[in-house]
Amino acid sequence: MKNLLRIFLLVILVLSVMFSCSSGKPIVTTNAENNQTYKIDYLFEHDGCKVYRFQDMDRYVYFSNCSGNVTALTNDSTKARVETIVRVK
């Protein structure tokens, strides 16, 4: 009986961890402090580098706070136009 209860609790724990990690939405959406006409979406963090995006007219602009690279996609990610700006230190 105790083993059955432990297995049940373990399954509940594993399922809750799996479903909590896959929401499909940006983690945080906040309004800009200096310009209220656009919003910045915090998408994810990888190796301590946070990735954000905002929409400028008809394109999404993706940026991070660690490498200085900025990539802008026009319309959709299926279109071929990609611009990358690299900051040189």
PDB file of N, CA and C in Angstrom:
ATOM      1  N   MET A   1       0.820  -1.196   0.000  1.00  0.00           N
ATOM      2  CA  MET A   1       0.000   0.000   0.000  1.00  0.00           C
ATOM      3  C   MET A   1       0.865   1.262   0.000  1.00  0.00           C
ATOM      4  N   LYS A   2       1.942   1.259   0.808  1.00  0.00           N
ATOM      5  CA  LYS A   2       2.825   2.420   0.841  1.00  0.00           C
ATOM      6  C   LYS A   2       3.542   2.604  -0.493  1.00  0.00           C
ATOM      7  N   ASN A   3       3.948   1.499  -1.124  1.00  0.00           N
ATOM      8  CA  ASN A   3       4.605   1.596  -2.423  1.00  0.00           C
ATOM      9  C   ASN A   3       3.651   2.139  -3.485  1.00  0.00           C
ATOM     10  N   LEU A   4       2.400   1.744  -3.434  1.00  0.00           N
ATOM     11  CA  LEU A   4       1.410   2.235  -4.380  1.00  0.00           C
ATOM     12  C   LEU A   4       1.193   3.737  -4.204  1.00  0.00           C
ATOM     13  N   LEU A   5       1.156   4.198  -2.978  1.00  0.00           N
ATOM     14  CA  LEU A   5       0.994   5.620  -2.702  1.00  0.00           C
ATOM     15  C   LEU A   5       2.212   6.406  -3.181  1.00  0.00           C
ATOM     16  N   ARG A   6       3.395   5.882  -2.972  1.00  0.00           N
ATOM     17  CA  ARG A   6       4.613   6.551  -3.443  1.00  0.00           C
ATOM     18  C   ARG A   6       4.650   6.647  -4.971  1.00  0.00           C
ATOM     19  N   ILE A   7       4.273   5.564  -5.637  1.00  0.00           N
ATOM     20  CA  ILE A   7       4.248   5.580  -7.105  1.00  0.00           C
ATOM     21  C   ILE A   7       3.222   6.583  -7.609  1.00  0.00           C
ATOM     22  N   PHE A   8       2.063   6.628  -6.969  1.00  0.00           N
ATOM     23  CA  PHE A   8       1.019   7.579  -7.365  1.00  0.00           C
ATOM     24  C   PHE A   8       1.504   9.017  -7.193  1.00  0.00           C
ATOM     25  N   LEU A   9       2.131   9.328  -6.064  1.00  0.00           N
ATOM     26  CA  LEU A   9       2.642  10.678  -5.832  1.00  0.00           C
ATOM     27  C   LEU A   9       3.754  11.028  -6.814  1.00  0.00           C
ATOM     28  N   LEU A  10       4.590  10.062  -7.143  1.00  0.00           N
ATOM     29  CA  LEU A  10       5.654  10.285  -8.107  1.00  0.00           C
ATOM     30  C   LEU A  10       5.085  10.584  -9.495  1.00  0.00           C
ATOM     31  N   VAL A  11       4.070   9.850  -9.896  1.00  0.00           N
ATOM     32  CA  VAL A  11       3.436  10.087 -11.195  1.00  0.00           C
ATOM     33  C   VAL A  11       2.800  11.469 -11.228  1.00  0.00           C
ATOM     34  N   ILE A  12       2.114  11.862 -10.165  1.00  0.00           N
ATOM     35  CA  ILE A  12       1.515  13.201 -10.093  1.00  0.00           C
ATOM     36  C   ILE A  12       2.592  14.275 -10.183  1.00  0.00           C
ATOM     37  N   LEU A  13       3.681  14.090  -9.492  1.00  0.00           N
ATOM     38  CA  LEU A  13       4.774  15.056  -9.514  1.00  0.00           C
ATOM     39  C   LEU A  13       5.374  15.178 -10.915  1.00  0.00           C
ATOM     40  N   VAL A  14       5.642  14.066 -11.564  1.00  0.00           N
ATOM     41  CA  VAL A  14       6.230  14.075 -12.903  1.00  0.00           C
ATOM     42  C   VAL A  14       5.279  14.734 -13.900  1.00  0.00           C
ATOM     43  N   LEU A  15       3.999  14.403 -13.835  1.00  0.00           N
ATOM     44  CA  LEU A  15       3.027  15.006 -14.748  1.00  0.00           C
ATOM     45  C   LEU A  15       2.897  16.510 -14.530  1.00  0.00           C
ATOM     46  N   SER A  16       2.915  16.949 -13.285  1.00  0.00           N
ATOM     47  CA  SER A  16       2.793  18.387 -13.030  1.00  0.00           C
ATOM     48  C   SER A  16       4.015  19.144 -13.529  1.00  0.00           C
ATOM     49  N   VAL A  17       5.201  18.554 -13.412  1.00  0.00           N
ATOM     50  CA  VAL A  17       6.411  19.194 -13.927  1.00  0.00           C
ATOM     51  C   VAL A  17       6.368  19.258 -15.449  1.00  0.00           C
ATOM     52  N   MET A  18       5.922  18.201 -16.089  1.00  0.00           N
ATOM     53  CA  MET A  18       5.860  18.179 -17.551  1.00  0.00           C
ATOM     54  C   MET A  18       4.884  19.219 -18.090  1.00  0.00           C
ATOM     55  N   PHE A  19       3.709  19.332 -17.496  1.00  0.00           N
ATOM     56  CA  PHE A  19       2.712  20.271 -18.001  1.00  0.00           C
ATOM     57  C   PHE A  19       3.046  21.709 -17.648  1.00  0.00           C
ATOM     58  N   SER A  20       3.764  21.936 -16.585  1.00  0.00           N
ATOM     59  CA  SER A  20       4.106  23.316 -16.224  1.00  0.00           C
ATOM     60  C   SER A  20       5.213  23.884 -17.103  1.00  0.00           C
ATOM     61  N   CYS A  21       5.960  23.038 -17.791  1.00  0.00           N
ATOM     62  CA  CYS A  21       7.070  23.504 -18.623  1.00  0.00           C
ATOM     63  C   CYS A  21       6.670  23.768 -20.067  1.00  0.00           C
ATOM     64  N   SER A  22       5.427  23.575 -20.442  1.00  0.00           N
ATOM     65  CA  SER A  22       5.051  23.701 -21.846  1.00  0.00           C
ATOM     66  C   SER A  22       3.801  24.542 -22.027  1.00  0.00           C
ATOM     67  N   SER A  23       3.875  25.810 -21.661  1.00  0.00           N
ATOM     68  CA  SER A  23       2.693  26.654 -21.795  1.00  0.00           C
ATOM     69  C   SER A  23       2.535  27.187 -23.210  1.00  0.00           C
ATOM     70  N   GLY A  24       3.634  27.380 -23.967  1.00  0.00           N
ATOM     71  CA  GLY A  24       3.550  27.887 -25.315  1.00  0.00           C
ATOM     72  C   GLY A  24       3.384  29.390 -25.402  1.00  0.00           C
ATOM     73  N   LYS A  25       3.446  30.086 -24.298  1.00  0.00           N
ATOM     74  CA  LYS A  25       3.306  31.536 -24.267  1.00  0.00           C
ATOM     75  C   LYS A  25       4.607  32.142 -23.757  1.00  0.00           C
ATOM     76  N   PRO A  26       4.876  33.421 -24.084  1.00  0.00           N
ATOM     77  CA  PRO A  26       6.050  34.073 -23.500  1.00  0.00           C
ATOM     78  C   PRO A  26       5.967  34.069 -21.978  1.00  0.00           C
ATOM     79  N   ILE A  27       7.093  34.002 -21.329  1.00  0.00           N
ATOM     80  CA  ILE A  27       7.114  33.956 -19.874  1.00  0.00           C
ATOM     81  C   ILE A  27       6.561  35.240 -19.283  1.00  0.00           C
ATOM     82  N   VAL A  28       6.996  36.370 -19.809  1.00  0.00           N
ATOM     83  CA  VAL A  28       6.567  37.669 -19.289  1.00  0.00           C
ATOM     84  C   VAL A  28       6.265  38.604 -20.454  1.00  0.00           C
ATOM     85  N   THR A  29       5.165  39.318 -20.363  1.00  0.00           N
ATOM     86  CA  THR A  29       4.855  40.367 -21.316  1.00  0.00           C
ATOM     87  C   THR A  29       4.670  41.650 -20.535  1.00  0.00           C
ATOM     88  N   THR A  30       5.514  42.637 -20.803  1.00  0.00           N
ATOM     89  CA  THR A  30       5.444  43.891 -20.055  1.00  0.00           C
ATOM     90  C   THR A  30       5.394  45.068 -21.015  1.00  0.00           C
ATOM     91  N   ASN A  31       4.789  46.151 -20.573  1.00  0.00           N
ATOM     92  CA  ASN A  31       4.808  47.377 -21.347  1.00  0.00           C
ATOM     93  C   ASN A  31       6.139  48.076 -21.148  1.00  0.00           C
ATOM     94  N   ALA A  32       6.573  48.767 -22.177  1.00  0.00           N
ATOM     95  CA  ALA A  32       7.828  49.501 -22.088  1.00  0.00           C
ATOM     96  C   ALA A  32       7.667  50.671 -21.136  1.00  0.00           C
ATOM     97  N   GLU A  33       8.728  51.004 -20.448  1.00  0.00           N
ATOM     98  CA  GLU A  33       8.675  52.114 -19.504  1.00  0.00           C
ATOM     99  C   GLU A  33       8.836  53.461 -20.189  1.00  0.00           C
ATOM    100  N   ASN A  34       9.591  53.522 -21.286  1.00  0.00           N
ATOM    101  CA  ASN A  34       9.828  54.802 -21.938  1.00  0.00           C
ATOM    102  C   ASN A  34       8.915  55.056 -23.135  1.00  0.00           C
ATOM    103  N   ASN A  35       8.234  54.040 -23.632  1.00  0.00           N
ATOM    104  CA  ASN A  35       7.329  54.191 -24.768  1.00  0.00           C
ATOM    105  C   ASN A  35       6.196  53.192 -24.605  1.00  0.00           C
ATOM    106  N   GLN A  36       5.015  53.662 -24.327  1.00  0.00           N
ATOM    107  CA  GLN A  36       3.877  52.787 -24.035  1.00  0.00           C
ATOM    108  C   GLN A  36       3.214  52.229 -25.289  1.00  0.00           C
ATOM    109  N   THR A  37       3.701  52.568 -26.479  1.00  0.00           N
ATOM    110  CA  THR A  37       3.037  52.138 -27.704  1.00  0.00           C
ATOM    111  C   THR A  37       3.465  50.750 -28.177  1.00  0.00           C
ATOM    112  N   TYR A  38       4.443  50.145 -27.563  1.00  0.00           N
ATOM    113  CA  TYR A  38       4.817  48.789 -27.924  1.00  0.00           C
ATOM    114  C   TYR A  38       5.049  47.979 -26.668  1.00  0.00           C
ATOM    115  N   LYS A  39       4.989  46.654 -26.821  1.00  0.00           N
ATOM    116  CA  LYS A  39       5.232  45.780 -25.675  1.00  0.00           C
ATOM    117  C   LYS A  39       6.408  44.864 -25.973  1.00  0.00           C
ATOM    118  N   ILE A  40       7.121  44.500 -24.929  1.00  0.00           N
ATOM    119  CA  ILE A  40       8.280  43.631 -25.037  1.00  0.00           C
ATOM    120  C   ILE A  40       7.913  42.284 -24.436  1.00  0.00           C
ATOM    121  N   ASP A  41       8.182  41.220 -25.181  1.00  0.00           N
ATOM    122  CA  ASP A  41       7.920  39.859 -24.716  1.00  0.00           C
ATOM    123  C   ASP A  41       9.234  39.210 -24.318  1.00  0.00           C
ATOM    124  N   TYR A  42       9.291  38.704 -23.096  1.00  0.00           N
ATOM    125  CA  TYR A  42      10.436  37.899 -22.650  1.00  0.00           C
ATOM    126  C   TYR A  42      10.137  36.478 -23.079  1.00  0.00           C
ATOM    127  N   LEU A  43      10.963  35.918 -23.976  1.00  0.00           N
ATOM    128  CA  LEU A  43      10.677  34.625 -24.559  1.00  0.00           C
ATOM    129  C   LEU A  43      11.247  33.467 -23.755  1.00  0.00           C
ATOM    130  N   PHE A  44      12.560  33.495 -23.506  1.00  0.00           N
ATOM    131  CA  PHE A  44      13.190  32.401 -22.776  1.00  0.00           C
ATOM    132  C   PHE A  44      14.582  32.816 -22.338  1.00  0.00           C
ATOM    133  N   GLU A  45      15.219  31.945 -21.577  1.00  0.00           N
ATOM    134  CA  GLU A  45      16.597  32.155 -21.148  1.00  0.00           C
ATOM    135  C   GLU A  45      17.382  30.888 -21.448  1.00  0.00           C
ATOM    136  N   HIS A  46      18.572  31.064 -22.037  1.00  0.00           N
ATOM    137  CA  HIS A  46      19.429  29.931 -22.367  1.00  0.00           C
ATOM    138  C   HIS A  46      20.863  30.286 -22.007  1.00  0.00           C
ATOM    139  N   ASP A  47      21.496  29.473 -21.206  1.00  0.00           N
ATOM    140  CA  ASP A  47      22.870  29.699 -20.742  1.00  0.00           C
ATOM    141  C   ASP A  47      23.047  31.088 -20.134  1.00  0.00           C
ATOM    142  N   GLY A  48      22.055  31.531 -19.383  1.00  0.00           N
ATOM    143  CA  GLY A  48      22.125  32.826 -18.715  1.00  0.00           C
ATOM    144  C   GLY A  48      21.862  34.013 -19.622  1.00  0.00           C
ATOM    145  N   CYS A  49      21.461  33.766 -20.852  1.00  0.00           N
ATOM    146  CA  CYS A  49      21.190  34.829 -21.824  1.00  0.00           C
ATOM    147  C   CYS A  49      19.687  34.928 -22.039  1.00  0.00           C
ATOM    148  N   LYS A  50      19.096  36.066 -21.713  1.00  0.00           N
ATOM    149  CA  LYS A  50      17.658  36.276 -21.874  1.00  0.00           C
ATOM    150  C   LYS A  50      17.364  36.783 -23.280  1.00  0.00           C
ATOM    151  N   VAL A  51      16.305  36.239 -23.886  1.00  0.00           N
ATOM    152  CA  VAL A  51      15.916  36.611 -25.246  1.00  0.00           C
ATOM    153  C   VAL A  51      14.551  37.291 -25.194  1.00  0.00           C
ATOM    154  N   TYR A  52      14.449  38.453 -25.847  1.00  0.00           N
ATOM    155  CA  TYR A  52      13.231  39.253 -25.878  1.00  0.00           C
ATOM    156  C   TYR A  52      12.836  39.516 -27.322  1.00  0.00           C
ATOM    157  N   ARG A  53      11.580  39.979 -27.519  1.00  0.00           N
ATOM    158  CA  ARG A  53      11.170  40.430 -28.842  1.00  0.00           C
ATOM    159  C   ARG A  53      10.138  41.536 -28.694  1.00  0.00           C
ATOM    160  N   PHE A  54      10.056  42.368 -29.730  1.00  0.00           N
ATOM    161  CA  PHE A  54       8.981  43.343 -29.846  1.00  0.00           C
ATOM    162  C   PHE A  54       8.643  43.488 -31.317  1.00  0.00           C
ATOM    163  N   GLN A  55       7.463  44.040 -31.588  1.00  0.00           N
ATOM    164  CA  GLN A  55       7.024  44.194 -32.963  1.00  0.00           C
ATOM    165  C   GLN A  55       7.183  45.650 -33.377  1.00  0.00           C
ATOM    166  N   ASP A  56       7.914  45.859 -34.466  1.00  0.00           N
ATOM    167  CA  ASP A  56       8.142  47.192 -35.016  1.00  0.00           C
ATOM    168  C   ASP A  56       7.464  47.239 -36.376  1.00  0.00           C
ATOM    169  N   MET A  57       6.332  47.947 -36.436  1.00  0.00           N
ATOM    170  CA  MET A  57       5.507  48.018 -37.641  1.00  0.00           C
ATOM    171  C   MET A  57       5.075  46.599 -38.024  1.00  0.00           C
ATOM    172  N   ASP A  58       5.622  46.027 -39.103  1.00  0.00           N
ATOM    173  CA  ASP A  58       5.168  44.716 -39.568  1.00  0.00           C
ATOM    174  C   ASP A  58       6.181  43.602 -39.306  1.00  0.00           C
ATOM    175  N   ARG A  59       7.175  43.862 -38.468  1.00  0.00           N
ATOM    176  CA  ARG A  59       8.197  42.841 -38.258  1.00  0.00           C
ATOM    177  C   ARG A  59       8.501  42.681 -36.772  1.00  0.00           C
ATOM    178  N   TYR A  60       8.937  41.475 -36.430  1.00  0.00           N
ATOM    179  CA  TYR A  60       9.390  41.205 -35.071  1.00  0.00           C
ATOM    180  C   TYR A  60      10.879  41.472 -34.985  1.00  0.00           C
ATOM    181  N   VAL A  61      11.295  42.097 -33.912  1.00  0.00           N
ATOM    182  CA  VAL A  61      12.708  42.328 -33.641  1.00  0.00           C
ATOM    183  C   VAL A  61      13.060  41.526 -32.397  1.00  0.00           C
ATOM    184  N   TYR A  62      14.034  40.642 -32.518  1.00  0.00           N
ATOM    185  CA  TYR A  62      14.486  39.800 -31.418  1.00  0.00           C
ATOM    186  C   TYR A  62      15.794  40.363 -30.896  1.00  0.00           C
ATOM    187  N   PHE A  63      15.938  40.401 -29.578  1.00  0.00           N
ATOM    188  CA  PHE A  63      17.197  40.879 -29.014  1.00  0.00           C
ATOM    189  C   PHE A  63      17.485  40.172 -27.708  1.00  0.00           C
ATOM    190  N   SER A  64      18.746  40.222 -27.330  1.00  0.00           N
ATOM    191  CA  SER A  64      19.174  39.600 -26.081  1.00  0.00           C
ATOM    192  C   SER A  64      20.003  40.608 -25.311  1.00  0.00           C
ATOM    193  N   ASN A  65      20.220  40.338 -24.046  1.00  0.00           N
ATOM    194  CA  ASN A  65      20.972  41.269 -23.219  1.00  0.00           C
ATOM    195  C   ASN A  65      22.384  40.774 -22.924  1.00  0.00           C
ATOM    196  N   CYS A  66      22.880  39.807 -23.700  1.00  0.00           N
ATOM    197  CA  CYS A  66      24.203  39.297 -23.365  1.00  0.00           C
ATOM    198  C   CYS A  66      25.196  39.336 -24.520  1.00  0.00           C
ATOM    199  N   SER A  67      24.759  39.128 -25.742  1.00  0.00           N
ATOM    200  CA  SER A  67      25.730  39.057 -26.831  1.00  0.00           C
ATOM    201  C   SER A  67      25.772  40.299 -27.701  1.00  0.00           C
ATOM    202  N   GLY A  68      24.748  41.128 -27.662  1.00  0.00           N
ATOM    203  CA  GLY A  68      24.714  42.326 -28.479  1.00  0.00           C
ATOM    204  C   GLY A  68      24.212  42.099 -29.887  1.00  0.00           C
ATOM    205  N   ASN A  69      23.754  40.898 -30.235  1.00  0.00           N
ATOM    206  CA  ASN A  69      23.222  40.625 -31.567  1.00  0.00           C
ATOM    207  C   ASN A  69      21.752  40.997 -31.629  1.00  0.00           C
ATOM    208  N   VAL A  70      21.345  41.590 -32.746  1.00  0.00           N
ATOM    209  CA  VAL A  70      19.942  41.929 -32.985  1.00  0.00           C
ATOM    210  C   VAL A  70      19.555  41.337 -34.324  1.00  0.00           C
ATOM    211  N   THR A  71      18.457  40.591 -34.369  1.00  0.00           N
ATOM    212  CA  THR A  71      17.982  40.005 -35.606  1.00  0.00           C
ATOM    213  C   THR A  71      16.563  40.481 -35.849  1.00  0.00           C
ATOM    214  N   ALA A  72      16.284  40.975 -37.055  1.00  0.00           N
ATOM    215  CA  ALA A  72      14.955  41.459 -37.411  1.00  0.00           C
ATOM    216  C   ALA A  72      14.419  40.615 -38.552  1.00  0.00           C
ATOM    217  N   LEU A  73      13.207  40.107 -38.409  1.00  0.00           N
ATOM    218  CA  LEU A  73      12.558  39.326 -39.448  1.00  0.00           C
ATOM    219  C   LEU A  73      11.382  40.128 -39.988  1.00  0.00           C
ATOM    220  N   THR A  74      11.296  40.270 -41.293  1.00  0.00           N
ATOM    221  CA  THR A  74      10.181  40.971 -41.897  1.00  0.00           C
ATOM    222  C   THR A  74       9.030  40.003 -42.114  1.00  0.00           C
ATOM    223  N   ASN A  75       7.835  40.423 -41.709  1.00  0.00           N
ATOM    224  CA  ASN A  75       6.587  39.674 -41.842  1.00  0.00           C
ATOM    225  C   ASN A  75       6.595  38.377 -41.048  1.00  0.00           C
ATOM    226  N   ASP A  76       7.269  37.372 -41.506  1.00  0.00           N
ATOM    227  CA  ASP A  76       7.171  36.054 -40.908  1.00  0.00           C
ATOM    228  C   ASP A  76       8.530  35.378 -40.984  1.00  0.00           C
ATOM    229  N   SER A  77       8.718  34.358 -40.180  1.00  0.00           N
ATOM    230  CA  SER A  77       9.992  33.648 -40.193  1.00  0.00           C
ATOM    231  C   SER A  77      10.181  32.848 -41.473  1.00  0.00           C
ATOM    232  N   THR A  78       9.141  32.708 -42.302  1.00  0.00           N
ATOM    233  CA  THR A  78       9.293  31.970 -43.553  1.00  0.00           C
ATOM    234  C   THR A  78       9.875  32.832 -44.660  1.00  0.00           C
ATOM    235  N   LYS A  79       9.911  34.144 -44.467  1.00  0.00           N
ATOM    236  CA  LYS A  79      10.496  35.024 -45.470  1.00  0.00           C
ATOM    237  C   LYS A  79      12.012  35.047 -45.318  1.00  0.00           C
ATOM    238  N   ALA A  80      12.729  35.327 -46.382  1.00  0.00           N
ATOM    239  CA  ALA A  80      14.177  35.172 -46.404  1.00  0.00           C
ATOM    240  C   ALA A  80      14.954  36.346 -45.829  1.00  0.00           C
ATOM    241  N   ARG A  81      14.340  37.489 -45.590  1.00  0.00           N
ATOM    242  CA  ARG A  81      15.088  38.679 -45.163  1.00  0.00           C
ATOM    243  C   ARG A  81      15.407  38.620 -43.674  1.00  0.00           C
ATOM    244  N   VAL A  82      16.697  38.550 -43.357  1.00  0.00           N
ATOM    245  CA  VAL A  82      17.161  38.536 -41.967  1.00  0.00           C
ATOM    246  C   VAL A  82      18.322  39.507 -41.857  1.00  0.00           C
ATOM    247  N   GLU A  83      18.274  40.386 -40.858  1.00  0.00           N
ATOM    248  CA  GLU A  83      19.365  41.326 -40.616  1.00  0.00           C
ATOM    249  C   GLU A  83      19.937  41.035 -39.240  1.00  0.00           C
ATOM    250  N   THR A  84      21.252  40.942 -39.155  1.00  0.00           N
ATOM    251  CA  THR A  84      21.903  40.743 -37.872  1.00  0.00           C
ATOM    252  C   THR A  84      22.916  41.856 -37.661  1.00  0.00           C
ATOM    253  N   ILE A  85      22.813  42.526 -36.519  1.00  0.00           N
ATOM    254  CA  ILE A  85      23.717  43.613 -36.177  1.00  0.00           C
ATOM    255  C   ILE A  85      24.553  43.144 -34.991  1.00  0.00           C
ATOM    256  N   VAL A  86      25.872  43.151 -35.145  1.00  0.00           N
ATOM    257  CA  VAL A  86      26.760  42.662 -34.098  1.00  0.00           C
ATOM    258  C   VAL A  86      27.524  43.834 -33.512  1.00  0.00           C
ATOM    259  N   ARG A  87      27.478  43.952 -32.195  1.00  0.00           N
ATOM    260  CA  ARG A  87      28.222  45.001 -31.508  1.00  0.00           C
ATOM    261  C   ARG A  87      29.657  44.520 -31.307  1.00  0.00           C
ATOM    262  N   VAL A  88      30.623  45.320 -31.706  1.00  0.00           N
ATOM    263  CA  VAL A  88      32.034  44.980 -31.568  1.00  0.00           C
ATOM    264  C   VAL A  88      32.573  45.683 -30.335  1.00  0.00           C
ATOM    265  N   LYS A  89      33.192  44.914 -29.461  1.00  0.00           N
ATOM    266  CA  LYS A  89      33.723  45.482 -28.214  1.00  0.00           C
ATOM    267  C   LYS A  89      35.155  45.878 -28.373  1.00  0.00           C
TER     268      LYS A  89
END
